Amino acid sequence: MGNEKRKQSKLEKIKIFKISCISQGKGFSPELDSGLRLGFNKIMVNSTSSVLRLKIVGFICIMLAASCAYFNTFYNAQSYYREGMKRVTNDTLKVDSEYFDKTIEKATAVIVKYPDSRYIDDALLMMGSSYYYKGDYSRALEKLDFLILNYPESKFYDDALYYKGLAYYKQRKLAQATIALKEALLSKQYRVRAMVVLCYVYYQDANYASLTEIAKDLQKESLNLKERRWVLRLLGEAQFNQESYGAALELFNELLSLTRVKEAQQVLKLKIAEIYLEMEEYEECQGFLEGERDPEFKNLLADLYVELGDIEKAKETYFEVAVSGMSNFAAQAFYKLAELYRDADSLEAAIAYYDSSVNRASMNEYGLKSKKMADILRRIDVLVKETENIDRAQFLLAEIYFVDFNEPERAVIEYQKVYTDFPGSEWAPKALYAQLWITSNVFKDDSLASLFASDLRIKYPGSEYAISAMNFLGESNIKPGVRK
């Protein structure tokens, strides 16, 4: 009778400890639970001595230690994952986090040490999404695919599909991303999020018809303000890319009305101004931009004055930006000023403004372009001031316009000066052949090119360029200098 009471007492204690573990989120795993019960029952049947009672206690301690180690590993994986997710915004990791590395480590331990655990699918999702946030999309897809294929009834199935679509999108595998996201949007949990990402997928794929269709469906959903702005922005950009400027203008104006952050408003206003310029509605654009004090707006306003032909007003506005003290915008404004003076053949003024651009921001886009242009103009200045080999200088000047400036129209004019002003020069036939080549290959005017070829064959019959001209005319059987 005493033995039966002691046996019952021990059973009650184990039961209470099991309930305690479960209440703390550390319940027994199925394999440990059944093993503990079976082993305990066998030992208790023959428990008639203190030695056996010690064996019982030892057995229980071993099983409980294994169970606690298992759940501690899984609990740590979850904890690290939650901490990592605090650094995530809009499905993007904003700050590099070691928590996802630790999540992967602990989740891997769960899978390797306890392969029959009921938490394997949970661990796989944590691993797959952690790899996604770390930017290791191939490994993310490997874990997510394993979950999807082997645990189709898992409560994390839809999560895996969504992250799979995100990973494919990041890899720019747009067809695969579309398939995964279309399946994910069938779930209530991910419907809106999957549709938003699909909008981005369709935009990247230039599939504007599908983008418009899904965006219309999205607008029927209960979108928050941020999601609504995303959709409007993508629709506006899609219309702009299709040159449907009226529709784009309407969408961006609606988006502007929903935007409160000043920096975001400025970006949208610049886009609206760009649309006005594309529509050639210069007066509307001017009215939209005037009164804006931001240097970027004033730069765009100066561009508008150039389009309207008001060069003096453009110079005045560019100069206001140039002396604003904001180096990047100043470099851009000085560069554009230099371009205006170069177009007017004011070399010294152009060089001075290019140099000013370099001084403001030597390593940005406009600083680098300005340095290159200043060097070219200095070469031109030297050639223009040449007093001895003027024919050679004139030819090299034409080369600069053609090669460095990519201005074939101006180059043709400069080449013509060589053989017109210096017909006996060794540079003359080369200049005439350059005219022939540009006319044929750039202007695609074979009729005019034939006239240059004939002129070259007649005026410089013994030159290598005359032979090339004959080949062009298909008259290689005719001797140089002999007319048809």
Protein backbone atom coordinates (compact mmCIF):
# COMPACT_ATOMS: atom_id res chain seq x y z
CA MET A 1 0.00 0.00 0.00
CA GLY A 2 2.87 2.37 0.82
CA ASN A 3 4.60 1.59 -2.46
CA GLU A 4 1.41 2.39 -4.43
CA LYS A 5 1.11 5.78 -2.73
CA ARG A 6 4.74 6.66 -3.48
CA LYS A 7 4.26 5.61 -7.12
CA GLN A 8 1.17 7.81 -7.41
CA SER A 9 2.99 10.73 -5.81
CA LYS A 10 5.85 10.54 -8.33
CA LEU A 11 3.42 10.41 -11.24
CA GLU A 12 1.65 13.51 -9.97
CA LYS A 13 4.96 15.41 -9.67
CA ILE A 14 6.00 14.57 -13.24
CA LYS A 15 2.57 15.59 -14.47
CA ILE A 16 2.81 18.91 -12.64
CA PHE A 17 6.32 19.56 -14.08
CA LYS A 18 5.12 18.76 -17.60
CA ILE A 19 2.22 21.20 -17.20
CA SER A 20 4.66 23.79 -15.87
CA CYS A 21 6.94 23.40 -18.91
CA ILE A 22 4.03 23.68 -21.27
CA SER A 23 2.73 26.81 -19.53
CA GLN A 24 6.17 28.37 -20.06
CA GLY A 25 6.15 27.52 -23.76
CA LYS A 26 8.44 24.51 -23.20
CA GLY A 27 6.07 21.55 -23.64
CA PHE A 28 7.48 18.10 -24.39
CA SER A 29 8.11 17.13 -27.98
CA PRO A 30 6.09 14.10 -29.14
CA GLU A 31 9.10 11.83 -29.29
CA LEU A 32 10.32 12.84 -25.81
CA ASP A 33 6.83 12.71 -24.34
CA SER A 34 6.17 9.12 -25.49
CA GLY A 35 9.69 8.01 -24.56
CA LEU A 36 9.39 9.45 -21.09
CA ARG A 37 6.02 7.79 -20.49
CA LEU A 38 7.15 4.38 -21.73
CA GLY A 39 10.41 4.37 -19.81
CA PHE A 40 8.80 5.66 -16.66
CA ASN A 41 6.09 3.00 -16.71
CA LYS A 42 8.60 0.18 -17.18
CA ILE A 43 10.78 1.34 -14.32
CA MET A 44 7.90 2.02 -11.95
CA VAL A 45 6.61 -1.55 -12.33
CA ASN A 46 9.81 -2.90 -10.83
CA SER A 47 10.55 -0.01 -8.50
CA THR A 48 11.15 -1.90 -5.26
CA SER A 49 14.50 -0.58 -4.14
CA SER A 50 16.27 2.69 -3.51
CA VAL A 51 18.71 1.91 -6.37
CA LEU A 52 15.88 1.68 -8.80
CA ARG A 53 14.37 4.86 -7.44
CA LEU A 54 17.66 6.63 -8.15
CA LYS A 55 17.59 5.24 -11.70
CA ILE A 56 14.10 6.65 -12.08
CA VAL A 57 15.21 10.09 -11.02
CA GLY A 58 18.24 9.94 -13.32
CA PHE A 59 16.14 8.83 -16.27
CA ILE A 60 13.65 11.63 -15.72
CA CYS A 61 16.41 14.22 -15.41
CA ILE A 62 18.02 13.10 -18.67
CA MET A 63 14.73 13.22 -20.54
CA LEU A 64 13.79 16.62 -19.11
CA ALA A 65 17.22 18.06 -19.93
CA ALA A 66 16.91 16.89 -23.52
CA SER A 67 13.43 18.37 -23.75
CA CYS A 68 14.50 21.72 -22.29
CA ALA A 69 17.54 21.90 -24.59
CA TYR A 70 15.28 21.29 -27.56
CA PHE A 71 12.83 24.00 -26.62
CA ASN A 72 15.51 26.44 -25.58
CA THR A 73 17.04 26.13 -29.05
CA PHE A 74 13.72 26.78 -30.74
CA TYR A 75 12.81 29.57 -28.32
CA ASN A 76 16.16 31.30 -28.98
CA ALA A 77 15.61 31.05 -32.73
CA GLN A 78 12.22 32.73 -32.35
CA SER A 79 13.60 35.43 -30.08
CA TYR A 80 16.44 36.31 -32.45
CA TYR A 81 14.01 36.34 -35.37
CA ARG A 82 11.67 38.78 -33.61
CA GLU A 83 14.59 41.09 -32.85
CA GLY A 84 15.73 40.96 -36.46
CA MET A 85 12.22 41.80 -37.72
CA LYS A 86 12.31 45.01 -35.69
CA ARG A 87 14.94 46.23 -38.21
CA VAL A 88 12.69 45.49 -41.19
CA THR A 89 10.53 48.09 -42.94
CA ASN A 90 8.35 47.34 -45.96
CA ASP A 91 9.92 43.89 -46.36
CA THR A 92 13.39 45.45 -46.47
CA LEU A 93 16.15 45.23 -43.86
CA LYS A 94 17.06 48.84 -43.13
CA VAL A 95 19.96 48.22 -40.76
CA ASP A 96 22.37 45.28 -40.97
CA SER A 97 21.46 42.89 -38.18
CA GLU A 98 23.28 39.92 -36.66
CA TYR A 99 19.99 38.62 -35.30
CA PHE A 100 19.15 36.90 -38.58
CA ASP A 101 22.54 35.13 -38.52
CA LYS A 102 21.73 33.85 -35.03
CA THR A 103 18.22 32.87 -36.14
CA ILE A 104 19.69 30.75 -38.94
CA GLU A 105 22.14 29.13 -36.54
CA LYS A 106 19.48 28.15 -33.98
CA ALA A 107 16.88 27.11 -36.57
CA THR A 108 19.48 24.89 -38.25
CA ALA A 109 20.19 23.26 -34.89
CA VAL A 110 16.47 22.48 -34.46
CA ILE A 111 16.29 20.85 -37.91
CA VAL A 112 19.53 18.86 -37.53
CA LYS A 113 19.13 17.66 -33.95
CA TYR A 114 15.36 17.17 -33.92
CA PRO A 115 14.34 16.21 -37.49
CA ASP A 116 11.00 14.76 -36.33
CA SER A 117 10.00 17.90 -34.45
CA ARG A 118 6.63 19.47 -35.10
CA TYR A 119 8.42 22.81 -35.43
CA ILE A 120 10.47 21.97 -38.54
CA ASP A 121 8.22 24.03 -40.84
CA ASP A 122 8.47 26.98 -38.44
CA ALA A 123 12.27 26.68 -38.42
CA LEU A 124 12.37 26.46 -42.23
CA LEU A 125 10.34 29.64 -42.60
CA MET A 126 12.56 31.51 -40.15
CA MET A 127 15.64 30.33 -42.05
CA GLY A 128 14.22 31.16 -45.48
CA SER A 129 13.03 34.64 -44.54
CA SER A 130 16.27 35.34 -42.62
CA TYR A 131 18.31 34.49 -45.71
CA TYR A 132 15.99 36.77 -47.71
CA TYR A 133 16.59 39.72 -45.41
CA LYS A 134 20.34 39.06 -45.52
CA GLY A 135 20.21 39.24 -49.33
CA ASP A 136 21.10 35.57 -49.87
CA TYR A 137 18.17 34.88 -52.18
CA SER A 138 19.33 31.51 -53.49
CA ARG A 139 19.51 29.98 -50.01
CA ALA A 140 16.23 31.65 -49.10
CA LEU A 141 14.54 29.98 -52.06
CA GLU A 142 16.10 26.63 -51.17
CA LYS A 143 14.57 26.65 -47.66
CA LEU A 144 11.24 28.07 -48.76
CA ASP A 145 10.86 25.55 -51.58
CA PHE A 146 11.61 22.72 -49.15
CA LEU A 147 8.86 23.96 -46.85
CA ILE A 148 6.35 24.35 -49.69
CA LEU A 149 7.06 20.91 -51.18
CA ASN A 150 7.25 18.90 -47.97
CA TYR A 151 4.78 20.71 -45.71
CA PRO A 152 1.83 21.67 -47.94
CA GLU A 153 -0.53 21.66 -44.93
CA SER A 154 1.71 23.95 -42.87
CA LYS A 155 0.24 27.14 -41.49
CA PHE A 156 3.35 28.84 -42.87
CA TYR A 157 2.67 27.74 -46.46
CA ASP A 158 1.35 31.16 -47.54
CA ASP A 159 4.22 32.94 -45.78
CA ALA A 160 6.68 30.81 -47.74
CA LEU A 161 4.96 31.62 -51.05
CA TYR A 162 5.08 35.34 -50.32
CA TYR A 163 8.76 35.34 -49.40
CA LYS A 164 9.48 33.16 -52.41
CA GLY A 165 7.88 35.80 -54.64
CA LEU A 166 9.96 38.52 -52.96
CA ALA A 167 13.20 36.56 -53.42
CA TYR A 168 12.52 35.97 -57.11
CA TYR A 169 11.68 39.66 -57.53
CA LYS A 170 15.00 40.65 -55.96
CA GLN A 171 16.74 38.28 -58.38
CA ARG A 172 14.81 39.93 -61.25
CA LYS A 173 13.31 36.56 -62.13
CA LEU A 174 10.01 38.21 -62.83
CA ALA A 175 8.09 35.27 -64.31
CA GLN A 176 8.80 33.07 -61.27
CA ALA A 177 7.99 35.97 -58.93
CA THR A 178 4.64 36.46 -60.67
CA ILE A 179 3.67 32.80 -60.23
CA ALA A 180 4.53 32.71 -56.50
CA LEU A 181 2.85 36.03 -55.73
CA LYS A 182 -0.32 35.15 -57.64
CA GLU A 183 -0.63 32.04 -55.46
CA ALA A 184 0.17 34.01 -52.31
CA LEU A 185 -2.54 36.59 -52.97
CA LEU A 186 -5.16 33.85 -52.72
CA SER A 187 -4.60 33.90 -48.96
CA LYS A 188 -6.39 36.52 -46.89
CA GLN A 189 -3.23 37.32 -44.92
CA TYR A 190 -1.09 38.22 -47.93
CA ARG A 191 -3.67 39.33 -50.49
CA VAL A 192 -2.95 43.07 -50.39
CA ARG A 193 0.81 42.75 -49.83
CA ALA A 194 1.19 40.26 -52.69
CA MET A 195 -0.84 42.51 -55.01
CA VAL A 196 1.35 45.51 -54.16
CA VAL A 197 4.53 43.56 -54.90
CA LEU A 198 2.96 42.27 -58.12
CA CYS A 199 2.53 45.90 -59.18
CA TYR A 200 6.28 46.37 -58.83
CA VAL A 201 6.93 43.12 -60.72
CA TYR A 202 4.72 44.21 -63.62
CA TYR A 203 6.33 47.65 -63.64
CA GLN A 204 9.84 46.17 -63.85
CA ASP A 205 8.64 43.87 -66.63
CA ALA A 206 7.08 46.84 -68.48
CA ASN A 207 3.80 44.90 -68.38
CA TYR A 208 1.76 48.03 -67.96
CA ALA A 209 -1.57 46.45 -68.94
CA SER A 210 -1.35 43.90 -66.12
CA LEU A 211 -0.11 46.61 -63.76
CA THR A 212 -3.12 48.78 -64.51
CA GLU A 213 -5.51 45.85 -64.06
CA ILE A 214 -4.15 44.75 -60.67
CA ALA A 215 -3.83 48.37 -59.50
CA LYS A 216 -7.55 48.88 -60.17
CA ASP A 217 -8.30 45.76 -58.11
CA LEU A 218 -6.04 47.04 -55.35
CA GLN A 219 -7.86 50.33 -55.15
CA LYS A 220 -11.00 48.38 -54.22
CA GLU A 221 -9.20 46.98 -51.19
CA SER A 222 -8.84 48.68 -47.82
CA LEU A 223 -5.43 50.21 -48.47
CA ASN A 224 -3.60 52.32 -45.96
CA LEU A 225 -2.28 55.71 -47.09
CA LYS A 226 1.24 54.43 -47.76
CA GLU A 227 0.00 51.56 -49.94
CA ARG A 228 -2.29 53.90 -51.85
CA ARG A 229 0.64 56.23 -52.58
CA TRP A 230 2.73 53.29 -53.81
CA VAL A 231 0.03 52.25 -56.26
CA LEU A 232 -0.52 55.79 -57.57
CA ARG A 233 3.23 56.29 -58.05
CA LEU A 234 3.62 53.08 -60.07
CA LEU A 235 0.55 53.86 -62.18
CA GLY A 236 1.84 57.38 -62.82
CA GLU A 237 5.28 56.16 -63.84
CA ALA A 238 3.72 53.54 -66.10
CA GLN A 239 1.60 56.16 -67.86
CA PHE A 240 4.64 58.43 -68.20
CA ASN A 241 6.70 55.63 -69.76
CA GLN A 242 3.91 55.02 -72.25
CA GLU A 243 3.89 58.75 -73.04
CA SER A 244 0.32 59.08 -71.77
CA TYR A 245 1.26 62.37 -70.20
CA GLY A 246 -2.26 63.59 -69.49
CA ALA A 247 -3.07 60.48 -67.41
CA ALA A 248 0.34 60.64 -65.74
CA LEU A 249 -0.22 64.30 -64.80
CA GLU A 250 -3.58 63.48 -63.21
CA LEU A 251 -2.11 60.60 -61.17
CA PHE A 252 0.89 62.59 -59.92
CA ASN A 253 -1.30 65.52 -58.94
CA GLU A 254 -3.50 63.14 -56.92
CA LEU A 255 -0.39 61.68 -55.33
CA LEU A 256 0.86 65.17 -54.48
CA SER A 257 -2.40 65.91 -52.68
CA LEU A 258 -1.82 62.84 -50.47
CA THR A 259 1.79 63.68 -49.64
CA ARG A 260 2.74 65.68 -46.56
CA VAL A 261 6.51 65.26 -46.32
CA LYS A 262 8.25 68.27 -47.89
CA GLU A 263 11.06 66.30 -49.52
CA ALA A 264 8.57 63.89 -51.10
CA GLN A 265 6.47 66.82 -52.31
CA GLN A 266 9.52 68.33 -54.02
CA VAL A 267 10.21 65.07 -55.86
CA LEU A 268 6.63 64.94 -57.08
CA LYS A 269 6.63 68.59 -58.16
CA LEU A 270 9.76 67.99 -60.20
CA LYS A 271 8.06 65.05 -61.86
CA ILE A 272 4.99 67.14 -62.64
CA ALA A 273 7.21 69.86 -64.12
CA GLU A 274 8.94 67.22 -66.23
CA ILE A 275 5.56 66.06 -67.52
CA TYR A 276 4.62 69.63 -68.47
CA LEU A 277 7.89 69.89 -70.40
CA GLU A 278 7.22 66.62 -72.22
CA MET A 279 3.77 67.91 -73.13
CA GLU A 280 5.42 71.16 -74.34
CA GLU A 281 3.08 73.11 -72.09
CA TYR A 282 5.80 75.59 -71.23
CA GLU A 283 3.61 78.34 -69.84
CA GLU A 284 1.86 75.95 -67.44
CA CYS A 285 5.25 74.61 -66.39
CA GLN A 286 6.60 78.11 -65.86
CA GLY A 287 3.63 79.04 -63.70
CA PHE A 288 4.04 75.82 -61.73
CA LEU A 289 7.74 76.44 -61.05
CA GLU A 290 7.87 80.17 -60.46
CA GLY A 291 8.00 81.06 -56.80
CA GLU A 292 9.84 77.87 -55.87
CA ARG A 293 13.10 78.72 -54.09
CA ASP A 294 14.65 75.26 -54.07
CA PRO A 295 17.81 75.13 -56.31
CA GLU A 296 16.60 72.01 -58.11
CA PHE A 297 13.38 73.78 -59.11
CA LYS A 298 15.29 76.85 -60.25
CA ASN A 299 17.57 74.66 -62.36
CA LEU A 300 14.52 73.19 -64.03
CA LEU A 301 13.05 76.67 -64.51
CA ALA A 302 16.27 77.76 -66.21
CA ASP A 303 16.00 74.71 -68.51
CA LEU A 304 12.50 75.89 -69.34
CA TYR A 305 13.77 79.36 -70.27
CA VAL A 306 16.21 77.69 -72.67
CA GLU A 307 13.32 75.81 -74.27
CA LEU A 308 11.40 79.08 -74.59
CA GLY A 309 14.43 80.73 -76.19
CA ASP A 310 14.94 83.24 -73.40
CA ILE A 311 18.70 82.62 -73.07
CA GLU A 312 19.42 85.71 -71.00
CA LYS A 313 16.76 84.75 -68.44
CA ALA A 314 18.15 81.24 -68.40
CA LYS A 315 21.68 82.53 -67.71
CA GLU A 316 20.39 84.72 -64.90
CA THR A 317 18.52 81.83 -63.26
CA TYR A 318 21.42 79.37 -63.63
CA PHE A 319 23.72 81.91 -62.00
CA GLU A 320 21.34 82.29 -59.03
CA VAL A 321 21.59 78.54 -58.50
CA ALA A 322 25.35 78.55 -59.03
CA VAL A 323 25.95 81.01 -56.18
CA SER A 324 23.42 79.34 -53.86
CA GLY A 325 26.15 77.52 -51.94
CA MET A 326 24.82 73.99 -52.60
CA SER A 327 27.80 72.41 -54.33
CA ASN A 328 26.05 69.72 -56.38
CA PHE A 329 23.41 72.04 -57.79
CA ALA A 330 26.02 74.77 -58.26
CA ALA A 331 28.21 72.39 -60.30
CA GLN A 332 25.22 71.56 -62.49
CA ALA A 333 24.29 75.22 -62.97
CA PHE A 334 27.85 76.27 -63.85
CA TYR A 335 28.04 73.41 -66.35
CA LYS A 336 24.84 74.51 -68.06
CA LEU A 337 26.04 78.11 -68.13
CA ALA A 338 29.25 76.93 -69.79
CA GLU A 339 27.22 75.02 -72.38
CA LEU A 340 25.29 78.16 -73.30
CA TYR A 341 28.52 80.13 -73.77
CA ARG A 342 30.07 77.29 -75.78
CA ASP A 343 27.07 77.29 -78.10
CA ALA A 344 27.71 81.00 -78.60
CA ASP A 345 31.42 80.27 -79.35
CA SER A 346 32.53 82.28 -76.31
CA LEU A 347 35.43 79.99 -75.50
CA GLU A 348 36.99 81.93 -72.66
CA ALA A 349 33.69 82.38 -70.81
CA ALA A 350 32.78 78.73 -71.36
CA ILE A 351 36.14 77.54 -70.00
CA ALA A 352 35.75 79.77 -66.95
CA TYR A 353 32.31 78.35 -66.14
CA TYR A 354 33.46 74.76 -66.72
CA ASP A 355 36.32 75.39 -64.30
CA SER A 356 33.88 76.81 -61.76
CA SER A 357 31.80 73.65 -62.03
CA VAL A 358 34.88 71.53 -61.34
CA ASN A 359 35.75 73.69 -58.33
CA ARG A 360 32.29 73.20 -56.84
CA ALA A 361 32.13 69.41 -57.14
CA SER A 362 35.04 67.83 -58.99
CA MET A 363 33.89 64.23 -58.59
CA ASN A 364 30.17 64.45 -59.28
CA GLU A 365 28.62 63.94 -62.72
CA TYR A 366 28.77 67.59 -63.80
CA GLY A 367 32.21 68.21 -62.33
CA LEU A 368 33.68 65.32 -64.32
CA LYS A 369 31.92 66.40 -67.53
CA SER A 370 33.09 69.97 -66.99
CA LYS A 371 36.72 68.92 -66.61
CA LYS A 372 36.57 66.99 -69.87
CA MET A 373 34.90 69.87 -71.72
CA ALA A 374 37.33 72.46 -70.35
CA ASP A 375 40.27 70.37 -71.57
CA ILE A 376 38.73 70.09 -75.05
CA LEU A 377 38.02 73.81 -75.26
CA ARG A 378 41.60 74.58 -74.29
CA ARG A 379 42.75 72.42 -77.19
CA ILE A 380 40.37 74.32 -79.47
CA ASP A 381 41.69 77.62 -78.15
CA VAL A 382 45.25 76.55 -79.02
CA LEU A 383 44.21 75.45 -82.53
CA VAL A 384 42.26 78.67 -83.19
CA LYS A 385 45.31 80.73 -82.25
CA GLU A 386 47.67 78.66 -84.47
CA THR A 387 49.59 80.90 -86.93
CA GLU A 388 51.90 78.46 -88.76
CA ASN A 389 50.27 75.12 -89.63
CA ILE A 390 46.81 76.56 -90.01
CA ASP A 391 45.59 73.84 -92.41
CA ARG A 392 46.52 71.11 -89.90
CA ALA A 393 44.95 73.10 -87.05
CA GLN A 394 41.74 73.51 -89.04
CA PHE A 395 41.58 69.78 -89.74
CA LEU A 396 42.18 68.88 -86.09
CA LEU A 397 39.50 71.38 -85.09
CA ALA A 398 37.01 69.57 -87.34
CA GLU A 399 38.09 66.27 -85.76
CA ILE A 400 37.30 67.62 -82.30
CA TYR A 401 33.77 68.60 -83.32
CA PHE A 402 33.18 65.18 -84.83
CA VAL A 403 34.92 62.90 -82.31
CA ASP A 404 34.83 64.77 -78.99
CA PHE A 405 31.64 66.79 -79.33
CA ASN A 406 29.76 64.34 -81.57
CA GLU A 407 28.54 67.24 -83.70
CA PRO A 408 28.79 65.94 -87.28
CA GLU A 409 26.97 68.95 -88.75
CA ARG A 410 29.53 71.38 -87.32
CA ALA A 411 32.38 68.99 -88.22
CA VAL A 412 31.35 68.98 -91.92
CA ILE A 413 31.52 72.76 -91.97
CA GLU A 414 34.99 72.77 -90.41
CA TYR A 415 36.27 70.03 -92.78
CA GLN A 416 35.05 72.07 -95.75
CA LYS A 417 37.17 75.01 -94.64
CA VAL A 418 40.31 72.85 -94.97
CA TYR A 419 40.04 72.02 -98.67
CA THR A 420 38.35 75.34 -99.53
CA ASP A 421 40.94 77.58 -97.84
CA PHE A 422 43.93 75.26 -98.39
CA PRO A 423 43.24 73.23 -101.56
CA GLY A 424 46.92 72.34 -102.02
CA SER A 425 47.41 71.07 -98.48
CA GLU A 426 48.09 67.44 -97.69
CA TRP A 427 45.14 67.69 -95.28
CA ALA A 428 42.70 68.73 -98.04
CA PRO A 429 41.92 65.29 -99.57
CA LYS A 430 41.63 63.78 -96.09
CA ALA A 431 39.13 66.51 -95.10
CA LEU A 432 37.09 65.95 -98.27
CA TYR A 433 37.03 62.20 -97.63
CA ALA A 434 35.90 62.86 -94.04
CA GLN A 435 32.97 64.82 -95.47
CA LEU A 436 32.15 61.91 -97.78
CA TRP A 437 32.26 59.40 -94.90
CA ILE A 438 30.04 61.47 -92.58
CA THR A 439 27.54 62.19 -95.34
CA SER A 440 27.25 58.50 -96.21
CA ASN A 441 27.48 56.84 -92.78
CA VAL A 442 25.96 59.44 -90.46
CA PHE A 443 23.56 61.45 -92.63
CA LYS A 444 22.74 58.43 -94.85
CA ASP A 445 22.70 60.68 -97.92
CA ASP A 446 24.33 58.59 -100.65
CA SER A 447 23.42 61.09 -103.34
CA LEU A 448 25.41 63.89 -101.69
CA ALA A 449 28.17 61.45 -100.75
CA SER A 450 28.53 60.51 -104.44
CA LEU A 451 29.10 64.17 -105.31
CA PHE A 452 31.87 64.37 -102.69
CA ALA A 453 33.39 61.15 -104.04
CA SER A 454 33.41 62.47 -107.60
CA ASP A 455 34.89 65.76 -106.45
CA LEU A 456 37.62 63.93 -104.54
CA ARG A 457 38.47 61.68 -107.53
CA ILE A 458 38.76 64.67 -109.85
CA LYS A 459 40.64 67.08 -107.58
CA TYR A 460 43.01 64.61 -105.94
CA PRO A 461 43.33 61.74 -108.43
CA GLY A 462 46.61 60.41 -107.11
CA SER A 463 45.66 60.22 -103.44
CA GLU A 464 44.71 57.15 -101.43
CA TYR A 465 41.45 58.90 -100.63
CA ALA A 466 40.58 59.10 -104.36
CA ILE A 467 40.97 55.32 -104.62
CA SER A 468 38.66 54.86 -101.63
CA ALA A 469 36.20 57.26 -103.27
CA MET A 470 36.29 55.19 -106.47
CA ASN A 471 35.46 52.07 -104.49
CA PHE A 472 32.57 53.94 -102.96
CA LEU A 473 31.28 54.85 -106.44
CA GLY A 474 31.81 51.33 -107.72
CA GLU A 475 34.28 52.66 -110.34
CA SER A 476 37.43 50.83 -109.34
CA ASN A 477 38.00 49.98 -113.05
CA ILE A 478 38.36 53.67 -113.89
CA LYS A 479 41.77 55.21 -113.50
CA PRO A 480 42.16 58.16 -111.12
CA GLY A 481 41.66 61.46 -112.90
CA VAL A 482 39.68 59.98 -115.82
CA ARG A 483 36.05 61.03 -115.93
CA LYS A 484 33.31 58.82 -117.22
